[in-house]
């Protein structure tokens, strides 16, 4: 009997658009993971918007990257099925809305462990990458916790700002902006997991 091996990770290809970001390419079905992790109708006081762009080396916003986020809820639980209006996984193509933004409706998660700051796991898939890359999104509101976070401590102090989402609006819904710079002087810090 032949044993099948694991297939390698693939760069962005045709299935990517059809199966993972169909809304961006006007297919008539929806992705299983959407950019709405938190039902704002049920949890309006907890809802935030996390938005940003993916910039290439030349400072151009990339229109065909895919961003996926994973996070725990406000109680620190990972919800693989929608629970009380929350689902832990979100996905969006950067060309879905005008301006090449990604935009997730979610909440600020609880810290996953006692010594960590609240953070969202973010995965970037895009052309030119041989494999997807991982980063973490922290929030500027948690300065003291951020200073003690073991993952942020791994990063040179002058580069930590690439991992901090900035609050750009407080009302009627809080909006945080987190831009990804794939290369260059302001390159976002990516992690090996």
Foldseek 3Di string as FASTA:
>chain_A
DDDDDDDDAAADDDCCCVAAAVLLVVDPDDHPAALEFADCVQVVVFKEKEKEFEAEAVRDTDQFKKKKKFFAAQVLHAACDDDSRGHGMHMHTQNNDPPSMRMHIGGQHCANDDLAAGKMKMWMGHPPDRHIWIDIAGEPVPVVSCVRHPVLVVDDPVLSVLRYWYFDDPPPHTYTYHYAYCDDDNHHDTDDD
